[in-house]
PDB file of N, CA and C in Angstrom:
ATOM      1  N   UNK A   1     -72.513 -85.876   7.465  1.00  0.00           N
ATOM      2  CA  UNK A   1     -73.566 -86.438   8.272  1.00  0.00           C
ATOM      3  C   UNK A   1     -74.281 -85.305   9.007  1.00  0.00           C
ATOM      4  N   UNK A   2     -75.578 -85.314   8.970  1.00  0.00           N
ATOM      5  CA  UNK A   2     -76.375 -84.264   9.599  1.00  0.00           C
ATOM      6  C   UNK A   2     -76.370 -84.426  11.116  1.00  0.00           C
ATOM      7  N   UNK A   3     -76.299 -83.314  11.808  1.00  0.00           N
ATOM      8  CA  UNK A   3     -76.368 -83.313  13.265  1.00  0.00           C
ATOM      9  C   UNK A   3     -77.835 -83.170  13.657  1.00  0.00           C
ATOM     10  N   UNK A   4     -78.417 -84.226  14.199  1.00  0.00           N
ATOM     11  CA  UNK A   4     -79.849 -84.206  14.517  1.00  0.00           C
ATOM     12  C   UNK A   4     -80.157 -83.274  15.678  1.00  0.00           C
ATOM     13  N   UNK A   5     -79.153 -82.882  16.440  1.00  0.00           N
ATOM     14  CA  UNK A   5     -79.371 -82.041  17.607  1.00  0.00           C
ATOM     15  C   UNK A   5     -79.438 -80.553  17.273  1.00  0.00           C
ATOM     16  N   UNK A   6     -78.965 -80.164  16.082  1.00  0.00           N
ATOM     17  CA  UNK A   6     -78.906 -78.744  15.711  1.00  0.00           C
ATOM     18  C   UNK A   6     -80.253 -78.038  15.786  1.00  0.00           C
ATOM     19  N   UNK A   7     -81.298 -78.709  15.369  1.00  0.00           N
ATOM     20  CA  UNK A   7     -82.613 -78.078  15.274  1.00  0.00           C
ATOM     21  C   UNK A   7     -83.462 -78.286  16.519  1.00  0.00           C
ATOM     22  N   UNK A   8     -82.929 -78.965  17.526  1.00  0.00           N
ATOM     23  CA  UNK A   8     -83.712 -79.279  18.714  1.00  0.00           C
ATOM     24  C   UNK A   8     -83.467 -78.274  19.833  1.00  0.00           C
ATOM     25  N   UNK A   9     -84.493 -78.081  20.631  1.00  0.00           N
ATOM     26  CA  UNK A   9     -84.343 -77.290  21.846  1.00  0.00           C
ATOM     27  C   UNK A   9     -83.402 -78.064  22.777  1.00  0.00           C
ATOM     28  N   UNK A  10     -82.666 -77.365  23.637  1.00  0.00           N
ATOM     29  CA  UNK A  10     -81.723 -78.053  24.520  1.00  0.00           C
ATOM     30  C   UNK A  10     -82.356 -79.176  25.355  1.00  0.00           C
ATOM     31  N   UNK A  11     -83.547 -78.951  25.884  1.00  0.00           N
ATOM     32  CA  UNK A  11     -84.209 -79.977  26.691  1.00  0.00           C
ATOM     33  C   UNK A  11     -84.549 -81.205  25.855  1.00  0.00           C
ATOM     34  N   UNK A  12     -84.998 -80.962  24.625  1.00  0.00           N
ATOM     35  CA  UNK A  12     -85.334 -82.069  23.726  1.00  0.00           C
ATOM     36  C   UNK A  12     -84.076 -82.830  23.317  1.00  0.00           C
ATOM     37  N   UNK A  13     -82.992 -82.105  23.071  1.00  0.00           N
ATOM     38  CA  UNK A  13     -81.730 -82.746  22.704  1.00  0.00           C
ATOM     39  C   UNK A  13     -81.228 -83.619  23.857  1.00  0.00           C
ATOM     40  N   UNK A  14     -81.365 -83.143  25.078  1.00  0.00           N
ATOM     41  CA  UNK A  14     -80.945 -83.929  26.240  1.00  0.00           C
ATOM     42  C   UNK A  14     -81.792 -85.190  26.374  1.00  0.00           C
ATOM     43  N   UNK A  15     -83.086 -85.068  26.118  1.00  0.00           N
ATOM     44  CA  UNK A  15     -83.980 -86.225  26.200  1.00  0.00           C
ATOM     45  C   UNK A  15     -83.601 -87.273  25.149  1.00  0.00           C
ATOM     46  N   UNK A  16     -83.365 -86.830  23.932  1.00  0.00           N
ATOM     47  CA  UNK A  16     -82.959 -87.737  22.855  1.00  0.00           C
ATOM     48  C   UNK A  16     -81.631 -88.396  23.207  1.00  0.00           C
ATOM     49  N   UNK A  17     -80.702 -87.611  23.721  1.00  0.00           N
ATOM     50  CA  UNK A  17     -79.393 -88.133  24.093  1.00  0.00           C
ATOM     51  C   UNK A  17     -79.519 -89.197  25.184  1.00  0.00           C
ATOM     52  N   UNK A  18     -80.329 -88.951  26.195  1.00  0.00           N
ATOM     53  CA  UNK A  18     -80.517 -89.930  27.275  1.00  0.00           C
ATOM     54  C   UNK A  18     -81.105 -91.239  26.753  1.00  0.00           C
ATOM     55  N   UNK A  19     -82.112 -91.130  25.881  1.00  0.00           N
ATOM     56  CA  UNK A  19     -82.730 -92.328  25.317  1.00  0.00           C
ATOM     57  C   UNK A  19     -81.747 -93.107  24.442  1.00  0.00           C
ATOM     58  N   UNK A  20     -80.970 -92.393  23.658  1.00  0.00           N
ATOM     59  CA  UNK A  20     -79.981 -93.049  22.793  1.00  0.00           C
ATOM     60  C   UNK A  20     -78.916 -93.755  23.627  1.00  0.00           C
ATOM     61  N   UNK A  21     -78.467 -93.119  24.697  1.00  0.00           N
ATOM     62  CA  UNK A  21     -77.472 -93.749  25.568  1.00  0.00           C
ATOM     63  C   UNK A  21     -78.041 -94.988  26.243  1.00  0.00           C
ATOM     64  N   UNK A  22     -79.282 -94.916  26.672  1.00  0.00           N
ATOM     65  CA  UNK A  22     -79.915 -96.071  27.298  1.00  0.00           C
ATOM     66  C   UNK A  22     -80.038 -97.223  26.302  1.00  0.00           C
ATOM     67  N   UNK A  23     -80.406 -96.928  25.062  1.00  0.00           N
ATOM     68  CA  UNK A  23     -80.499 -97.966  24.033  1.00  0.00           C
ATOM     69  C   UNK A  23     -79.130 -98.619  23.822  1.00  0.00           C
ATOM     70  N   UNK A  24     -78.093 -97.823  23.815  1.00  0.00           N
ATOM     71  CA  UNK A  24     -76.734 -98.342  23.666  1.00  0.00           C
ATOM     72  C   UNK A  24     -76.379 -99.260  24.841  1.00  0.00           C
ATOM     73  N   UNK A  25     -76.677 -98.826  26.061  1.00  0.00           N
ATOM     74  CA  UNK A  25     -76.377 -99.630  27.250  1.00  0.00           C
ATOM     75  C   UNK A  25     -77.138-100.958  27.234  1.00  0.00           C
ATOM     76  N   UNK A  26     -78.383-100.930  26.815  1.00  0.00           N
ATOM     77  CA  UNK A  26     -79.160-102.165  26.718  1.00  0.00           C
ATOM     78  C   UNK A  26     -78.521-103.124  25.719  1.00  0.00           C
ATOM     79  N   UNK A  27     -78.119-102.599  24.575  1.00  0.00           N
ATOM     80  CA  UNK A  27     -77.487-103.423  23.538  1.00  0.00           C
ATOM     81  C   UNK A  27     -76.180-104.037  24.047  1.00  0.00           C
ATOM     82  N   UNK A  28     -75.360-103.227  24.686  1.00  0.00           N
ATOM     83  CA  UNK A  28     -74.064-103.704  25.153  1.00  0.00           C
ATOM     84  C   UNK A  28     -74.204-104.720  26.285  1.00  0.00           C
ATOM     85  N   UNK A  29     -75.120-104.501  27.200  1.00  0.00           N
ATOM     86  CA  UNK A  29     -75.323-105.446  28.291  1.00  0.00           C
ATOM     87  C   UNK A  29     -75.854-106.786  27.777  1.00  0.00           C
ATOM     88  N   UNK A  30     -76.720-106.748  26.772  1.00  0.00           N
ATOM     89  CA  UNK A  30     -77.200-107.982  26.136  1.00  0.00           C
ATOM     90  C   UNK A  30     -76.033-108.734  25.514  1.00  0.00           C
ATOM     91  N   UNK A  31     -75.185-108.007  24.809  1.00  0.00           N
ATOM     92  CA  UNK A  31     -74.029-108.637  24.154  1.00  0.00           C
ATOM     93  C   UNK A  31     -73.099-109.287  25.176  1.00  0.00           C
ATOM     94  N   UNK A  32     -72.904-108.649  26.316  1.00  0.00           N
ATOM     95  CA  UNK A  32     -72.053-109.208  27.366  1.00  0.00           C
ATOM     96  C   UNK A  32     -72.625-110.531  27.871  1.00  0.00           C
ATOM     97  N   UNK A  33     -73.927-110.558  28.125  1.00  0.00           N
ATOM     98  CA  UNK A  33     -74.568-111.788  28.594  1.00  0.00           C
ATOM     99  C   UNK A  33     -74.391-112.917  27.589  1.00  0.00           C
ATOM    100  N   UNK A  34     -74.630-112.633  26.326  1.00  0.00           N
ATOM    101  CA  UNK A  34     -74.535-113.656  25.291  1.00  0.00           C
ATOM    102  C   UNK A  34     -73.098-114.128  25.086  1.00  0.00           C
ATOM    103  N   UNK A  35     -72.175-113.185  25.100  1.00  0.00           N
ATOM    104  CA  UNK A  35     -70.763-113.501  24.863  1.00  0.00           C
ATOM    105  C   UNK A  35     -70.210-114.457  25.925  1.00  0.00           C
ATOM    106  N   UNK A  36     -70.715-114.348  27.143  1.00  0.00           N
ATOM    107  CA  UNK A  36     -70.255-115.239  28.222  1.00  0.00           C
ATOM    108  C   UNK A  36     -70.461-116.708  27.874  1.00  0.00           C
ATOM    109  N   UNK A  37     -71.410-116.963  26.979  1.00  0.00           N
ATOM    110  CA  UNK A  37     -71.753-118.338  26.628  1.00  0.00           C
ATOM    111  C   UNK A  37     -71.429-118.658  25.167  1.00  0.00           C
ATOM    112  N   UNK A  38     -70.693-117.771  24.511  1.00  0.00           N
ATOM    113  CA  UNK A  38     -70.297-118.005  23.133  1.00  0.00           C
ATOM    114  C   UNK A  38     -71.451-117.967  22.148  1.00  0.00           C
ATOM    115  N   UNK A  39     -72.472-117.157  22.457  1.00  0.00           N
ATOM    116  CA  UNK A  39     -73.665-117.080  21.596  1.00  0.00           C
ATOM    117  C   UNK A  39     -73.764-115.700  20.963  1.00  0.00           C
ATOM    118  N   UNK A  40     -74.281-115.682  19.743  1.00  0.00           N
ATOM    119  CA  UNK A  40     -74.499-114.420  19.031  1.00  0.00           C
ATOM    120  C   UNK A  40     -75.876-113.839  19.294  1.00  0.00           C
ATOM    121  N   UNK A  41     -76.827-114.697  19.636  1.00  0.00           N
ATOM    122  CA  UNK A  41     -78.183-114.227  19.909  1.00  0.00           C
ATOM    123  C   UNK A  41     -78.858-115.187  20.892  1.00  0.00           C
ATOM    124  N   UNK A  42     -80.080-114.835  21.268  1.00  0.00           N
ATOM    125  CA  UNK A  42     -80.798-115.626  22.263  1.00  0.00           C
ATOM    126  C   UNK A  42     -81.101-117.041  21.762  1.00  0.00           C
ATOM    127  N   UNK A  43     -81.456-117.166  20.505  1.00  0.00           N
ATOM    128  CA  UNK A  43     -81.773-118.485  19.947  1.00  0.00           C
ATOM    129  C   UNK A  43     -80.553-119.401  20.009  1.00  0.00           C
ATOM    130  N   UNK A  44     -79.406-118.870  19.698  1.00  0.00           N
ATOM    131  CA  UNK A  44     -78.190-119.668  19.746  1.00  0.00           C
ATOM    132  C   UNK A  44     -77.857-120.060  21.194  1.00  0.00           C
ATOM    133  N   UNK A  45     -78.048-119.154  22.131  1.00  0.00           N
ATOM    134  CA  UNK A  45     -77.806-119.490  23.533  1.00  0.00           C
ATOM    135  C   UNK A  45     -78.760-120.581  23.998  1.00  0.00           C
ATOM    136  N   UNK A  46     -80.022-120.466  23.649  1.00  0.00           N
ATOM    137  CA  UNK A  46     -80.986-121.489  24.034  1.00  0.00           C
ATOM    138  C   UNK A  46     -80.606-122.848  23.443  1.00  0.00           C
ATOM    139  N   UNK A  47     -80.151-122.866  22.216  1.00  0.00           N
ATOM    140  CA  UNK A  47     -79.722-124.117  21.586  1.00  0.00           C
ATOM    141  C   UNK A  47     -78.488-124.688  22.296  1.00  0.00           C
ATOM    142  N   UNK A  48     -77.576-123.820  22.702  1.00  0.00           N
ATOM    143  CA  UNK A  48     -76.388-124.283  23.439  1.00  0.00           C
ATOM    144  C   UNK A  48     -76.789-124.891  24.779  1.00  0.00           C
ATOM    145  N   UNK A  49     -77.819-124.345  25.405  1.00  0.00           N
ATOM    146  CA  UNK A  49     -78.318-124.908  26.667  1.00  0.00           C
ATOM    147  C   UNK A  49     -78.949-126.269  26.403  1.00  0.00           C
ATOM    148  N   UNK A  50     -79.818-126.334  25.381  1.00  0.00           N
ATOM    149  CA  UNK A  50     -80.505-127.595  25.048  1.00  0.00           C
ATOM    150  C   UNK A  50     -79.527-128.715  24.699  1.00  0.00           C
ATOM    151  N   UNK A  51     -78.482-128.363  23.971  1.00  0.00           N
ATOM    152  CA  UNK A  51     -77.519-129.381  23.529  1.00  0.00           C
ATOM    153  C   UNK A  51     -76.519-129.762  24.613  1.00  0.00           C
ATOM    154  N   UNK A  52     -76.494-129.004  25.705  1.00  0.00           N
ATOM    155  CA  UNK A  52     -75.549-129.275  26.785  1.00  0.00           C
ATOM    156  C   UNK A  52     -74.190-128.638  26.575  1.00  0.00           C
ATOM    157  N   UNK A  53     -74.053-127.808  25.539  1.00  0.00           N
ATOM    158  CA  UNK A  53     -72.780-127.134  25.266  1.00  0.00           C
ATOM    159  C   UNK A  53     -72.449-126.119  26.350  1.00  0.00           C
ATOM    160  N   UNK A  54     -73.468-125.637  27.039  1.00  0.00           N
ATOM    161  CA  UNK A  54     -73.269-124.738  28.180  1.00  0.00           C
ATOM    162  C   UNK A  54     -74.217-125.175  29.283  1.00  0.00           C
ATOM    163  N   UNK A  55     -73.811-124.974  30.518  1.00  0.00           N
ATOM    164  CA  UNK A  55     -74.638-125.433  31.639  1.00  0.00           C
ATOM    165  C   UNK A  55     -75.914-124.603  31.736  1.00  0.00           C
ATOM    166  N   UNK A  56     -76.940-125.260  32.232  1.00  0.00           N
ATOM    167  CA  UNK A  56     -78.256-124.610  32.298  1.00  0.00           C
ATOM    168  C   UNK A  56     -78.261-123.373  33.190  1.00  0.00           C
ATOM    169  N   UNK A  57     -77.515-123.457  34.275  1.00  0.00           N
ATOM    170  CA  UNK A  57     -77.486-122.314  35.199  1.00  0.00           C
ATOM    171  C   UNK A  57     -76.069-121.791  35.308  1.00  0.00           C
ATOM    172  N   UNK A  58     -75.844-120.537  35.099  1.00  0.00           N
ATOM    173  CA  UNK A  58     -76.807-119.455  34.985  1.00  0.00           C
ATOM    174  C   UNK A  58     -77.202-119.122  33.544  1.00  0.00           C
ATOM    175  N   UNK A  59     -76.855-119.981  32.586  1.00  0.00           N
ATOM    176  CA  UNK A  59     -77.100-119.664  31.181  1.00  0.00           C
ATOM    177  C   UNK A  59     -78.572-119.374  30.888  1.00  0.00           C
ATOM    178  N   UNK A  60     -79.478-120.139  31.496  1.00  0.00           N
ATOM    179  CA  UNK A  60     -80.892-119.898  31.205  1.00  0.00           C
ATOM    180  C   UNK A  60     -81.334-118.546  31.749  1.00  0.00           C
ATOM    181  N   UNK A  61     -80.844-118.174  32.915  1.00  0.00           N
ATOM    182  CA  UNK A  61     -81.165-116.850  33.450  1.00  0.00           C
ATOM    183  C   UNK A  61     -80.592-115.759  32.543  1.00  0.00           C
ATOM    184  N   UNK A  62     -79.407-115.993  32.011  1.00  0.00           N
ATOM    185  CA  UNK A  62     -78.806-115.033  31.077  1.00  0.00           C
ATOM    186  C   UNK A  62     -79.606-114.969  29.779  1.00  0.00           C
ATOM    187  N   UNK A  63     -80.092-116.110  29.334  1.00  0.00           N
ATOM    188  CA  UNK A  63     -80.956-116.148  28.144  1.00  0.00           C
ATOM    189  C   UNK A  63     -82.191-115.271  28.359  1.00  0.00           C
ATOM    190  N   UNK A  64     -82.854-115.469  29.499  1.00  0.00           N
ATOM    191  CA  UNK A  64     -84.055-114.666  29.785  1.00  0.00           C
ATOM    192  C   UNK A  64     -83.716-113.187  29.892  1.00  0.00           C
ATOM    193  N   UNK A  65     -82.618-112.888  30.554  1.00  0.00           N
ATOM    194  CA  UNK A  65     -82.199-111.491  30.699  1.00  0.00           C
ATOM    195  C   UNK A  65     -81.889-110.860  29.345  1.00  0.00           C
ATOM    196  N   UNK A  66     -81.209-111.602  28.490  1.00  0.00           N
ATOM    197  CA  UNK A  66     -80.874-111.092  27.156  1.00  0.00           C
ATOM    198  C   UNK A  66     -82.141-110.806  26.354  1.00  0.00           C
ATOM    199  N   UNK A  67     -83.128-111.682  26.464  1.00  0.00           N
ATOM    200  CA  UNK A  67     -84.409-111.441  25.773  1.00  0.00           C
ATOM    201  C   UNK A  67     -85.076-110.172  26.281  1.00  0.00           C
ATOM    202  N   UNK A  68     -85.091-110.000  27.592  1.00  0.00           N
ATOM    203  CA  UNK A  68     -85.709-108.811  28.186  1.00  0.00           C
ATOM    204  C   UNK A  68     -84.978-107.556  27.727  1.00  0.00           C
ATOM    205  N   UNK A  69     -83.654-107.595  27.725  1.00  0.00           N
ATOM    206  CA  UNK A  69     -82.874-106.438  27.279  1.00  0.00           C
ATOM    207  C   UNK A  69     -83.155-106.118  25.810  1.00  0.00           C
ATOM    208  N   UNK A  70     -83.241-107.149  24.970  1.00  0.00           N
ATOM    209  CA  UNK A  70     -83.521-106.933  23.546  1.00  0.00           C
ATOM    210  C   UNK A  70     -84.907-106.326  23.349  1.00  0.00           C
ATOM    211  N   UNK A  71     -85.892-106.840  24.077  1.00  0.00           N
ATOM    212  CA  UNK A  71     -87.252-106.304  23.961  1.00  0.00           C
ATOM    213  C   UNK A  71     -87.328-104.873  24.465  1.00  0.00           C
ATOM    214  N   UNK A  72     -86.639-104.593  25.563  1.00  0.00           N
ATOM    215  CA  UNK A  72     -86.628-103.229  26.100  1.00  0.00           C
ATOM    216  C   UNK A  72     -85.959-102.278  25.115  1.00  0.00           C
ATOM    217  N   UNK A  73     -84.889-102.724  24.489  1.00  0.00           N
ATOM    218  CA  UNK A  73     -84.187-101.880  23.517  1.00  0.00           C
ATOM    219  C   UNK A  73     -85.075-101.588  22.312  1.00  0.00           C
ATOM    220  N   UNK A  74     -85.774-102.595  21.819  1.00  0.00           N
ATOM    221  CA  UNK A  74     -86.663-102.374  20.676  1.00  0.00           C
ATOM    222  C   UNK A  74     -87.791-101.401  21.028  1.00  0.00           C
ATOM    223  N   UNK A  75     -88.346-101.526  22.223  1.00  0.00           N
ATOM    224  CA  UNK A  75     -89.398-100.598  22.661  1.00  0.00           C
ATOM    225  C   UNK A  75     -88.834 -99.190  22.785  1.00  0.00           C
ATOM    226  N   UNK A  76     -87.642 -99.086  23.319  1.00  0.00           N
ATOM    227  CA  UNK A  76     -87.004 -97.780  23.467  1.00  0.00           C
ATOM    228  C   UNK A  76     -86.695 -97.164  22.109  1.00  0.00           C
ATOM    229  N   UNK A  77     -86.227 -97.969  21.178  1.00  0.00           N
ATOM    230  CA  UNK A  77     -85.939 -97.458  19.837  1.00  0.00           C
ATOM    231  C   UNK A  77     -87.210 -96.956  19.154  1.00  0.00           C
ATOM    232  N   UNK A  78     -88.311 -97.662  19.354  1.00  0.00           N
ATOM    233  CA  UNK A  78     -89.582 -97.211  18.781  1.00  0.00           C
ATOM    234  C   UNK A  78     -89.999 -95.885  19.411  1.00  0.00           C
ATOM    235  N   UNK A  79     -89.836 -95.782  20.713  1.00  0.00           N
ATOM    236  CA  UNK A  79     -90.161 -94.528  21.404  1.00  0.00           C
ATOM    237  C   UNK A  79     -89.271 -93.395  20.903  1.00  0.00           C
ATOM    238  N   UNK A  80     -87.995 -93.671  20.758  1.00  0.00           N
ATOM    239  CA  UNK A  80     -87.057 -92.662  20.274  1.00  0.00           C
ATOM    240  C   UNK A  80     -87.388 -92.242  18.845  1.00  0.00           C
ATOM    241  N   UNK A  81     -87.733 -93.197  18.007  1.00  0.00           N
ATOM    242  CA  UNK A  81     -88.121 -92.870  16.636  1.00  0.00           C
ATOM    243  C   UNK A  81     -89.361 -91.990  16.592  1.00  0.00           C
ATOM    244  N   UNK A  82     -90.340 -92.311  17.415  1.00  0.00           N
ATOM    245  CA  UNK A  82     -91.554 -91.490  17.488  1.00  0.00           C
ATOM    246  C   UNK A  82     -91.253 -90.105  17.996  1.00  0.00           C
ATOM    247  N   UNK A  83     -90.398 -90.007  18.994  1.00  0.00           N
ATOM    248  CA  UNK A  83     -90.016 -88.713  19.545  1.00  0.00           C
ATOM    249  C   UNK A  83     -89.311 -87.873  18.490  1.00  0.00           C
ATOM    250  N   UNK A  84     -88.396 -88.457  17.750  1.00  0.00           N
ATOM    251  CA  UNK A  84     -87.682 -87.712  16.719  1.00  0.00           C
ATOM    252  C   UNK A  84     -88.620 -87.230  15.619  1.00  0.00           C
ATOM    253  N   UNK A  85     -89.571 -88.081  15.242  1.00  0.00           N
ATOM    254  CA  UNK A  85     -90.564 -87.651  14.245  1.00  0.00           C
ATOM    255  C   UNK A  85     -91.374 -86.467  14.767  1.00  0.00           C
ATOM    256  N   UNK A  86     -91.799 -86.575  16.007  1.00  0.00           N
ATOM    257  CA  UNK A  86     -92.591 -85.500  16.615  1.00  0.00           C
ATOM    258  C   UNK A  86     -91.782 -84.209  16.701  1.00  0.00           C
ATOM    259  N   UNK A  87     -90.533 -84.293  17.072  1.00  0.00           N
ATOM    260  CA  UNK A  87     -89.699 -83.096  17.236  1.00  0.00           C
ATOM    261  C   UNK A  87     -89.306 -82.466  15.900  1.00  0.00           C
ATOM    262  N   UNK A  88     -89.301 -83.252  14.841  1.00  0.00           N
ATOM    263  CA  UNK A  88     -88.894 -82.733  13.538  1.00  0.00           C
ATOM    264  C   UNK A  88     -90.059 -82.189  12.708  1.00  0.00           C
ATOM    265  N   UNK A  89     -91.227 -82.101  13.303  1.00  0.00           N
ATOM    266  CA  UNK A  89     -92.380 -81.550  12.572  1.00  0.00           C
ATOM    267  C   UNK A  89     -92.333 -80.057  12.533  1.00  0.00           C
TER     268      UNK A  89
END
């Protein structure tokens, strides 16, 4: 497996590392929120709320939070991908 940090300047490697760690934290925190309600994703959690399988509160707040975390992670991943492309030119 190639080490993506080998060709990067130390400052750039630190920036990539920070972004990657943040993406990981966003993913894990989303999973924790969903797991509390026995859901694999936001759609499943929303369905569990609608069906009454889980109580509306705080499940709905967790649903919204999980969506925000997922969207933030996707935006961060896009930023990280763009940064890596730029640094590898």
